[in-house]
Amino acid sequence: MENRLIRTLTALLGASIVLLTQPALAEEIRVMSSNAFRQAYLELVPEFEKASGHKVVTSFVGSSDLMKRMKAGESVDLVILAGNSVDELIQLGKVVPGSRADLAKAGVGAAVRAGAPKPDIGSADALKRALLAAKSIGYSSGPSGAYLARMFERMGIADELKPKIKQAPPGVPVGSFIARGEVELGFQQLSELLPVAGIEVIGMLPPEIQEITVFSAGIHAGAKAPAAARALVQFLASPAAAAAKRKKGMEPG
């Protein structure tokens, strides 16, 4: 615990944060984040708040809804979502150029209801057989869902699978459908499957067809507390944050 605190303080000092000795400079940081980074973020942010004196107010939003809200003109201090989406927001003038910082990366996992048979997904051919045999399949509205739709097309089974696919609405974990028995086989970022009760992760997509998504942060062009937001980003991207990311199914960015 003492070593963890030392690492945290070191990361914060490296980010040039004014610590609690000067609480008058504490600010409120408004963050909008996709759900994939949620579990690691919730573990890390209290450490940042305690050491810096800043207060972090966060909204967790499905990736597609987050993009819609940003494009519609909503303003925050910091956004966290897939790196290619951050790049798009930079191009649209919604995020400050040069402010993108990669925080973590995650692959796509598969899960079934707890106690259910576990199909073999150890190779691309085995996964294809499992998909064709499954009575129902679930995937997300985020980056992993978009990738799976393309993968099914490349496998030549998209039309056959279409009647049994259930896509989770933005912000709704695929694991919730699996746990309730609404889908037999579900896919999502591992970091989003792990916290769901009542399911079992059976593995990751095979390496030859795995899709790794990088999750990044960017300072909003309309940020009211840009310096404090940068300090938070530097902490979240620091070596002190690596253990929490790994514990929650991600790797440092």
C-alpha atoms as a PDB file:
ATOM      1  CA  MET A   1       0.000   0.000   0.000  1.00  0.00           C
ATOM      2  CA  GLU A   2       2.840   2.376   0.903  1.00  0.00           C
ATOM      3  CA  ASN A   3       4.633   1.590  -2.359  1.00  0.00           C
ATOM      4  CA  ARG A   4       1.422   2.194  -4.292  1.00  0.00           C
ATOM      5  CA  LEU A   5       1.023   5.608  -2.696  1.00  0.00           C
ATOM      6  CA  ILE A   6       4.638   6.486  -3.471  1.00  0.00           C
ATOM      7  CA  ARG A   7       4.133   5.529  -7.122  1.00  0.00           C
ATOM      8  CA  THR A   8       0.962   7.593  -7.275  1.00  0.00           C
ATOM      9  CA  LEU A   9       2.591  10.662  -5.774  1.00  0.00           C
ATOM     10  CA  THR A  10       5.568  10.298  -8.093  1.00  0.00           C
ATOM     11  CA  ALA A  11       3.308  10.169 -11.121  1.00  0.00           C
ATOM     12  CA  LEU A  12       1.374  13.206  -9.966  1.00  0.00           C
ATOM     13  CA  LEU A  13       4.516  15.197  -9.270  1.00  0.00           C
ATOM     14  CA  GLY A  14       5.816  14.267 -12.695  1.00  0.00           C
ATOM     15  CA  ALA A  15       2.634  15.731 -14.138  1.00  0.00           C
ATOM     16  CA  SER A  16       3.357  19.023 -12.342  1.00  0.00           C
ATOM     17  CA  ILE A  17       0.273  18.799 -10.178  1.00  0.00           C
ATOM     18  CA  VAL A  18      -0.202  21.170  -7.273  1.00  0.00           C
ATOM     19  CA  LEU A  19      -0.863  18.927  -4.273  1.00  0.00           C
ATOM     20  CA  LEU A  20      -3.092  19.424  -1.296  1.00  0.00           C
ATOM     21  CA  THR A  21      -0.703  21.920   0.259  1.00  0.00           C
ATOM     22  CA  GLN A  22      -2.347  24.467  -2.075  1.00  0.00           C
ATOM     23  CA  PRO A  23      -6.039  23.483  -2.082  1.00  0.00           C
ATOM     24  CA  ALA A  24      -7.151  26.879  -3.403  1.00  0.00           C
ATOM     25  CA  LEU A  25      -5.986  25.760  -6.849  1.00  0.00           C
ATOM     26  CA  ALA A  26      -8.098  22.609  -6.836  1.00  0.00           C
ATOM     27  CA  GLU A  27     -10.500  22.398  -9.781  1.00  0.00           C
ATOM     28  CA  GLU A  28     -13.394  20.273 -10.991  1.00  0.00           C
ATOM     29  CA  ILE A  29     -12.543  18.129 -14.005  1.00  0.00           C
ATOM     30  CA  ARG A  30     -15.474  17.044 -16.167  1.00  0.00           C
ATOM     31  CA  VAL A  31     -14.835  13.759 -17.955  1.00  0.00           C
ATOM     32  CA  MET A  32     -16.871  11.781 -20.464  1.00  0.00           C
ATOM     33  CA  SER A  33     -15.596   8.233 -20.951  1.00  0.00           C
ATOM     34  CA  SER A  34     -16.591   5.124 -22.842  1.00  0.00           C
ATOM     35  CA  ASN A  35     -17.393   2.121 -20.669  1.00  0.00           C
ATOM     36  CA  ALA A  36     -14.422   0.017 -21.775  1.00  0.00           C
ATOM     37  CA  PHE A  37     -12.034   1.978 -19.525  1.00  0.00           C
ATOM     38  CA  ARG A  38     -14.514   2.285 -16.658  1.00  0.00           C
ATOM     39  CA  GLN A  39     -13.270  -0.338 -14.184  1.00  0.00           C
ATOM     40  CA  ALA A  40      -9.604   0.684 -14.229  1.00  0.00           C
ATOM     41  CA  TYR A  41     -10.604   4.341 -14.197  1.00  0.00           C
ATOM     42  CA  LEU A  42     -12.807   3.932 -11.116  1.00  0.00           C
ATOM     43  CA  GLU A  43      -9.910   2.387  -9.236  1.00  0.00           C
ATOM     44  CA  LEU A  44      -7.405   5.044 -10.269  1.00  0.00           C
ATOM     45  CA  VAL A  45      -9.330   8.308 -10.030  1.00  0.00           C
ATOM     46  CA  PRO A  46      -9.763   8.309  -6.216  1.00  0.00           C
ATOM     47  CA  GLU A  47      -5.973   8.115  -5.904  1.00  0.00           C
ATOM     48  CA  PHE A  48      -5.620  11.112  -8.199  1.00  0.00           C
ATOM     49  CA  GLU A  49      -8.259  13.088  -6.310  1.00  0.00           C
ATOM     50  CA  LYS A  50      -6.678  12.348  -2.945  1.00  0.00           C
ATOM     51  CA  ALA A  51      -3.202  13.358  -4.038  1.00  0.00           C
ATOM     52  CA  SER A  52      -4.102  16.383  -6.188  1.00  0.00           C
ATOM     53  CA  GLY A  53      -7.111  17.912  -4.454  1.00  0.00           C
ATOM     54  CA  HIS A  54      -8.950  18.102  -7.775  1.00  0.00           C
ATOM     55  CA  LYS A  55     -12.474  16.679  -8.054  1.00  0.00           C
ATOM     56  CA  VAL A  56     -13.311  14.487 -11.031  1.00  0.00           C
ATOM     57  CA  VAL A  57     -16.927  14.324 -12.246  1.00  0.00           C
ATOM     58  CA  THR A  58     -17.424  11.547 -14.775  1.00  0.00           C
ATOM     59  CA  SER A  59     -20.143  10.426 -17.159  1.00  0.00           C
ATOM     60  CA  PHE A  60     -19.783   6.919 -18.618  1.00  0.00           C
ATOM     61  CA  VAL A  61     -21.408   6.743 -22.030  1.00  0.00           C
ATOM     62  CA  GLY A  62     -21.539   4.245 -24.883  1.00  0.00           C
ATOM     63  CA  SER A  63     -19.015   5.115 -27.587  1.00  0.00           C
ATOM     64  CA  SER A  64     -21.566   5.923 -30.283  1.00  0.00           C
ATOM     65  CA  ASP A  65     -23.586   8.145 -27.944  1.00  0.00           C
ATOM     66  CA  LEU A  66     -20.417   9.853 -26.742  1.00  0.00           C
ATOM     67  CA  MET A  67     -19.513  10.734 -30.319  1.00  0.00           C
ATOM     68  CA  LYS A  68     -23.025  12.022 -31.015  1.00  0.00           C
ATOM     69  CA  ARG A  69     -22.933  14.253 -27.955  1.00  0.00           C
ATOM     70  CA  MET A  70     -19.526  15.646 -28.834  1.00  0.00           C
ATOM     71  CA  LYS A  71     -20.580  16.344 -32.415  1.00  0.00           C
ATOM     72  CA  ALA A  72     -23.745  18.033 -31.131  1.00  0.00           C
ATOM     73  CA  GLY A  73     -21.635  20.540 -29.207  1.00  0.00           C
ATOM     74  CA  GLU A  74     -21.591  19.202 -25.651  1.00  0.00           C
ATOM     75  CA  SER A  75     -18.529  20.350 -23.751  1.00  0.00           C
ATOM     76  CA  VAL A  76     -16.403  18.644 -21.078  1.00  0.00           C
ATOM     77  CA  ASP A  77     -12.779  18.915 -20.023  1.00  0.00           C
ATOM     78  CA  LEU A  78     -11.664  15.452 -21.088  1.00  0.00           C
ATOM     79  CA  VAL A  79     -12.911  12.632 -23.294  1.00  0.00           C
ATOM     80  CA  ILE A  80     -11.770   9.009 -23.139  1.00  0.00           C
ATOM     81  CA  LEU A  81     -12.677   6.595 -25.929  1.00  0.00           C
ATOM     82  CA  ALA A  82     -11.171   4.640 -28.818  1.00  0.00           C
ATOM     83  CA  GLY A  83      -8.127   6.372 -30.251  1.00  0.00           C
ATOM     84  CA  ASN A  84      -9.503   6.599 -33.791  1.00  0.00           C
ATOM     85  CA  SER A  85     -12.577   8.379 -32.412  1.00  0.00           C
ATOM     86  CA  VAL A  86     -10.372  10.848 -30.536  1.00  0.00           C
ATOM     87  CA  ASP A  87      -8.578  11.498 -33.851  1.00  0.00           C
ATOM     88  CA  GLU A  88     -11.935  12.140 -35.513  1.00  0.00           C
ATOM     89  CA  LEU A  89     -12.875  14.635 -32.796  1.00  0.00           C
ATOM     90  CA  ILE A  90      -9.553  16.401 -33.320  1.00  0.00           C
ATOM     91  CA  GLN A  91     -10.321  16.694 -37.031  1.00  0.00           C
ATOM     92  CA  LEU A  92     -13.751  18.119 -36.177  1.00  0.00           C
ATOM     93  CA  GLY A  93     -12.219  20.722 -33.853  1.00  0.00           C
ATOM     94  CA  LYS A  94     -13.803  19.209 -30.742  1.00  0.00           C
ATOM     95  CA  VAL A  95     -10.534  18.019 -29.163  1.00  0.00           C
ATOM     96  CA  VAL A  96      -7.301  20.001 -28.902  1.00  0.00           C
ATOM     97  CA  PRO A  97      -4.730  18.939 -31.539  1.00  0.00           C
ATOM     98  CA  GLY A  98      -1.735  17.214 -29.982  1.00  0.00           C
ATOM     99  CA  SER A  99      -3.614  16.361 -26.770  1.00  0.00           C
ATOM    100  CA  ARG A 100      -4.318  12.702 -27.575  1.00  0.00           C
ATOM    101  CA  ALA A 101      -2.706  10.367 -25.031  1.00  0.00           C
ATOM    102  CA  ASP A 102      -3.037   6.582 -25.286  1.00  0.00           C
ATOM    103  CA  LEU A 103      -4.092   5.087 -21.945  1.00  0.00           C
ATOM    104  CA  ALA A 104      -4.773   1.397 -22.467  1.00  0.00           C
ATOM    105  CA  LYS A 105      -5.565  -1.268 -25.008  1.00  0.00           C
ATOM    106  CA  ALA A 106      -7.908  -4.221 -24.918  1.00  0.00           C
ATOM    107  CA  GLY A 107      -8.828  -7.185 -27.051  1.00  0.00           C
ATOM    108  CA  VAL A 108     -12.188  -8.817 -27.691  1.00  0.00           C
ATOM    109  CA  GLY A 109     -13.257 -11.685 -25.449  1.00  0.00           C
ATOM    110  CA  ALA A 110     -16.090 -14.201 -25.592  1.00  0.00           C
ATOM    111  CA  ALA A 111     -18.355 -15.351 -22.786  1.00  0.00           C
ATOM    112  CA  VAL A 112     -21.241 -17.697 -22.011  1.00  0.00           C
ATOM    113  CA  ARG A 113     -23.682 -17.889 -19.134  1.00  0.00           C
ATOM    114  CA  ALA A 114     -22.144 -19.297 -15.943  1.00  0.00           C
ATOM    115  CA  GLY A 115     -22.380 -23.084 -15.998  1.00  0.00           C
ATOM    116  CA  ALA A 116     -23.189 -23.301 -19.716  1.00  0.00           C
ATOM    117  CA  PRO A 117     -21.136 -25.443 -22.119  1.00  0.00           C
ATOM    118  CA  LYS A 118     -17.974 -23.688 -23.331  1.00  0.00           C
ATOM    119  CA  PRO A 119     -17.487 -23.919 -27.099  1.00  0.00           C
ATOM    120  CA  ASP A 120     -14.006 -24.146 -28.577  1.00  0.00           C
ATOM    121  CA  ILE A 121     -12.882 -20.764 -29.943  1.00  0.00           C
ATOM    122  CA  GLY A 122      -9.165 -21.536 -30.020  1.00  0.00           C
ATOM    123  CA  SER A 123      -8.737 -20.965 -33.745  1.00  0.00           C
ATOM    124  CA  ALA A 124     -10.521 -19.048 -36.488  1.00  0.00           C
ATOM    125  CA  ASP A 125     -12.058 -22.287 -37.827  1.00  0.00           C
ATOM    126  CA  ALA A 126     -13.182 -23.362 -34.355  1.00  0.00           C
ATOM    127  CA  LEU A 127     -14.721 -19.944 -33.713  1.00  0.00           C
ATOM    128  CA  LYS A 128     -16.580 -20.120 -37.013  1.00  0.00           C
ATOM    129  CA  ARG A 129     -18.047 -23.493 -36.039  1.00  0.00           C
ATOM    130  CA  ALA A 130     -19.032 -22.137 -32.618  1.00  0.00           C
ATOM    131  CA  LEU A 131     -20.773 -19.147 -34.205  1.00  0.00           C
ATOM    132  CA  LEU A 132     -22.719 -21.327 -36.620  1.00  0.00           C
ATOM    133  CA  ALA A 133     -23.717 -23.711 -33.815  1.00  0.00           C
ATOM    134  CA  ALA A 134     -24.803 -21.006 -31.368  1.00  0.00           C
ATOM    135  CA  LYS A 135     -28.543 -20.376 -31.075  1.00  0.00           C
ATOM    136  CA  SER A 136     -27.992 -16.679 -30.361  1.00  0.00           C
ATOM    137  CA  ILE A 137     -25.067 -14.264 -30.467  1.00  0.00           C
ATOM    138  CA  GLY A 138     -24.551 -10.905 -28.812  1.00  0.00           C
ATOM    139  CA  TYR A 139     -22.157  -8.063 -29.482  1.00  0.00           C
ATOM    140  CA  SER A 140     -21.871  -4.392 -28.621  1.00  0.00           C
ATOM    141  CA  SER A 141     -22.629  -1.107 -30.346  1.00  0.00           C
ATOM    142  CA  GLY A 142     -19.028  -0.015 -29.744  1.00  0.00           C
ATOM    143  CA  PRO A 143     -15.719  -0.751 -31.493  1.00  0.00           C
ATOM    144  CA  SER A 144     -15.796  -4.500 -30.790  1.00  0.00           C
ATOM    145  CA  GLY A 145     -19.279  -4.845 -32.274  1.00  0.00           C
ATOM    146  CA  ALA A 146     -18.291  -2.987 -35.436  1.00  0.00           C
ATOM    147  CA  TYR A 147     -15.263  -5.236 -35.791  1.00  0.00           C
ATOM    148  CA  LEU A 148     -17.284  -8.429 -35.300  1.00  0.00           C
ATOM    149  CA  ALA A 149     -19.769  -7.406 -37.985  1.00  0.00           C
ATOM    150  CA  ARG A 150     -16.871  -6.989 -40.419  1.00  0.00           C
ATOM    151  CA  MET A 151     -15.327 -10.273 -39.277  1.00  0.00           C
ATOM    152  CA  PHE A 152     -18.565 -12.169 -39.932  1.00  0.00           C
ATOM    153  CA  GLU A 153     -18.604 -10.715 -43.436  1.00  0.00           C
ATOM    154  CA  ARG A 154     -15.021 -11.826 -44.070  1.00  0.00           C
ATOM    155  CA  MET A 155     -15.864 -15.308 -42.771  1.00  0.00           C
ATOM    156  CA  GLY A 156     -18.741 -15.473 -45.241  1.00  0.00           C
ATOM    157  CA  ILE A 157     -21.327 -16.220 -42.526  1.00  0.00           C
ATOM    158  CA  ALA A 158     -22.905 -12.790 -41.974  1.00  0.00           C
ATOM    159  CA  ASP A 159     -26.207 -13.673 -43.671  1.00  0.00           C
ATOM    160  CA  GLU A 160     -26.491 -16.964 -41.809  1.00  0.00           C
ATOM    161  CA  LEU A 161     -25.812 -15.320 -38.447  1.00  0.00           C
ATOM    162  CA  LYS A 162     -27.997 -12.240 -38.934  1.00  0.00           C
ATOM    163  CA  PRO A 163     -31.276 -13.743 -37.616  1.00  0.00           C
ATOM    164  CA  LYS A 164     -29.690 -14.779 -34.322  1.00  0.00           C
ATOM    165  CA  ILE A 165     -27.631 -11.664 -33.546  1.00  0.00           C
ATOM    166  CA  LYS A 166     -28.634  -9.287 -30.753  1.00  0.00           C
ATOM    167  CA  GLN A 167     -26.757  -6.015 -30.569  1.00  0.00           C
ATOM    168  CA  ALA A 168     -26.574  -4.310 -27.189  1.00  0.00           C
ATOM    169  CA  PRO A 169     -27.672  -0.652 -27.162  1.00  0.00           C
ATOM    170  CA  PRO A 170     -24.960   1.949 -26.444  1.00  0.00           C
ATOM    171  CA  GLY A 171     -23.808   1.725 -22.828  1.00  0.00           C
ATOM    172  CA  VAL A 172     -25.449  -1.658 -22.169  1.00  0.00           C
ATOM    173  CA  PRO A 173     -22.978  -4.486 -21.491  1.00  0.00           C
ATOM    174  CA  VAL A 174     -23.320  -7.562 -23.660  1.00  0.00           C
ATOM    175  CA  GLY A 175     -22.671  -9.592 -20.514  1.00  0.00           C
ATOM    176  CA  SER A 176     -26.053  -8.577 -19.118  1.00  0.00           C
ATOM    177  CA  PHE A 177     -27.764 -10.336 -22.047  1.00  0.00           C
ATOM    178  CA  ILE A 178     -25.592 -13.408 -21.526  1.00  0.00           C
ATOM    179  CA  ALA A 179     -26.319 -13.548 -17.780  1.00  0.00           C
ATOM    180  CA  ARG A 180     -30.081 -13.390 -18.401  1.00  0.00           C
ATOM    181  CA  GLY A 181     -29.900 -16.143 -21.006  1.00  0.00           C
ATOM    182  CA  GLU A 182     -30.946 -13.820 -23.813  1.00  0.00           C
ATOM    183  CA  VAL A 183     -27.879 -14.735 -25.865  1.00  0.00           C
ATOM    184  CA  GLU A 184     -25.907 -17.952 -25.769  1.00  0.00           C
ATOM    185  CA  LEU A 185     -22.536 -16.585 -26.905  1.00  0.00           C
ATOM    186  CA  GLY A 186     -21.458 -12.967 -26.464  1.00  0.00           C
ATOM    187  CA  PHE A 187     -18.487 -10.841 -27.415  1.00  0.00           C
ATOM    188  CA  GLN A 188     -17.112  -7.558 -26.099  1.00  0.00           C
ATOM    189  CA  GLN A 189     -13.910  -5.949 -24.867  1.00  0.00           C
ATOM    190  CA  LEU A 190     -12.545  -8.148 -22.076  1.00  0.00           C
ATOM    191  CA  SER A 191     -12.558  -5.163 -19.701  1.00  0.00           C
ATOM    192  CA  GLU A 192     -16.341  -4.928 -20.136  1.00  0.00           C
ATOM    193  CA  LEU A 193     -17.031  -8.654 -19.732  1.00  0.00           C
ATOM    194  CA  LEU A 194     -15.011  -9.236 -16.549  1.00  0.00           C
ATOM    195  CA  PRO A 195     -17.176  -7.195 -14.118  1.00  0.00           C
ATOM    196  CA  VAL A 196     -20.471  -8.818 -15.150  1.00  0.00           C
ATOM    197  CA  ALA A 197     -21.818 -11.396 -12.675  1.00  0.00           C
ATOM    198  CA  GLY A 198     -23.381 -14.611 -13.920  1.00  0.00           C
ATOM    199  CA  ILE A 199     -21.153 -15.140 -16.950  1.00  0.00           C
ATOM    200  CA  GLU A 200     -17.916 -16.973 -17.703  1.00  0.00           C
ATOM    201  CA  VAL A 201     -15.269 -15.647 -20.066  1.00  0.00           C
ATOM    202  CA  ILE A 202     -14.233 -18.569 -22.255  1.00  0.00           C
ATOM    203  CA  GLY A 203     -11.308 -16.846 -23.943  1.00  0.00           C
ATOM    204  CA  MET A 204     -10.181 -14.186 -26.346  1.00  0.00           C
ATOM    205  CA  LEU A 205     -10.617 -14.116 -30.095  1.00  0.00           C
ATOM    206  CA  PRO A 206      -7.840 -16.187 -31.692  1.00  0.00           C
ATOM    207  CA  PRO A 207      -4.658 -14.167 -32.304  1.00  0.00           C
ATOM    208  CA  GLU A 208      -4.984 -14.377 -36.084  1.00  0.00           C
ATOM    209  CA  ILE A 209      -8.324 -12.555 -35.994  1.00  0.00           C
ATOM    210  CA  GLN A 210      -8.040 -10.582 -32.762  1.00  0.00           C
ATOM    211  CA  GLU A 211      -8.769  -6.858 -32.803  1.00  0.00           C
ATOM    212  CA  ILE A 212      -6.920  -4.684 -30.282  1.00  0.00           C
ATOM    213  CA  THR A 213      -8.522  -1.320 -29.552  1.00  0.00           C
ATOM    214  CA  VAL A 214      -6.443   1.505 -28.101  1.00  0.00           C
ATOM    215  CA  PHE A 215      -8.340   3.736 -25.694  1.00  0.00           C
ATOM    216  CA  SER A 216      -7.131   7.311 -25.556  1.00  0.00           C
ATOM    217  CA  ALA A 217      -7.811  10.601 -23.836  1.00  0.00           C
ATOM    218  CA  GLY A 218      -8.094  14.025 -25.379  1.00  0.00           C
ATOM    219  CA  ILE A 219      -8.554  17.533 -23.973  1.00  0.00           C
ATOM    220  CA  HIS A 220     -11.810  19.059 -25.143  1.00  0.00           C
ATOM    221  CA  ALA A 221     -11.495  22.279 -27.102  1.00  0.00           C
ATOM    222  CA  GLY A 222     -13.981  23.903 -24.717  1.00  0.00           C
ATOM    223  CA  ALA A 223     -12.327  22.662 -21.520  1.00  0.00           C
ATOM    224  CA  LYS A 224     -12.742  24.936 -18.489  1.00  0.00           C
ATOM    225  CA  ALA A 225      -9.957  23.198 -16.533  1.00  0.00           C
ATOM    226  CA  PRO A 226      -7.457  22.128 -19.222  1.00  0.00           C
ATOM    227  CA  ALA A 227      -4.374  22.113 -16.974  1.00  0.00           C
ATOM    228  CA  ALA A 228      -6.035  19.911 -14.359  1.00  0.00           C
ATOM    229  CA  ALA A 229      -7.358  17.642 -17.127  1.00  0.00           C
ATOM    230  CA  ARG A 230      -3.845  17.255 -18.524  1.00  0.00           C
ATOM    231  CA  ALA A 231      -2.591  16.319 -15.073  1.00  0.00           C
ATOM    232  CA  LEU A 232      -5.261  13.613 -14.838  1.00  0.00           C
ATOM    233  CA  VAL A 233      -4.311  12.277 -18.271  1.00  0.00           C
ATOM    234  CA  GLN A 234      -0.636  12.141 -17.353  1.00  0.00           C
ATOM    235  CA  PHE A 235      -1.467  10.188 -14.220  1.00  0.00           C
ATOM    236  CA  LEU A 236      -3.764   7.749 -16.057  1.00  0.00           C
ATOM    237  CA  ALA A 237      -1.029   7.179 -18.653  1.00  0.00           C
ATOM    238  CA  SER A 238       1.762   6.808 -16.086  1.00  0.00           C
ATOM    239  CA  PRO A 239       3.486   3.579 -14.968  1.00  0.00           C
ATOM    240  CA  ALA A 240       1.702   3.966 -11.606  1.00  0.00           C
ATOM    241  CA  ALA A 241      -1.593   3.151 -13.365  1.00  0.00           C
ATOM    242  CA  ALA A 242      -0.400  -0.009 -15.141  1.00  0.00           C
ATOM    243  CA  ALA A 243      -1.314  -2.556 -12.453  1.00  0.00           C
ATOM    244  CA  ALA A 244      -4.932  -1.382 -12.222  1.00  0.00           C
ATOM    245  CA  LYS A 245      -5.320  -1.638 -15.993  1.00  0.00           C
ATOM    246  CA  ARG A 246      -3.987  -5.179 -16.114  1.00  0.00           C
ATOM    247  CA  LYS A 247      -6.212  -6.249 -13.239  1.00  0.00           C
ATOM    248  CA  LYS A 248      -9.244  -5.012 -15.156  1.00  0.00           C
ATOM    249  CA  GLY A 249      -8.488  -6.809 -18.431  1.00  0.00           C
ATOM    250  CA  MET A 250      -6.477  -4.146 -20.240  1.00  0.00           C
ATOM    251  CA  GLU A 251      -2.837  -3.474 -21.030  1.00  0.00           C
ATOM    252  CA  PRO A 252      -1.106  -0.098 -20.687  1.00  0.00           C
ATOM    253  CA  GLY A 253      -1.441   1.911 -23.886  1.00  0.00           C
END
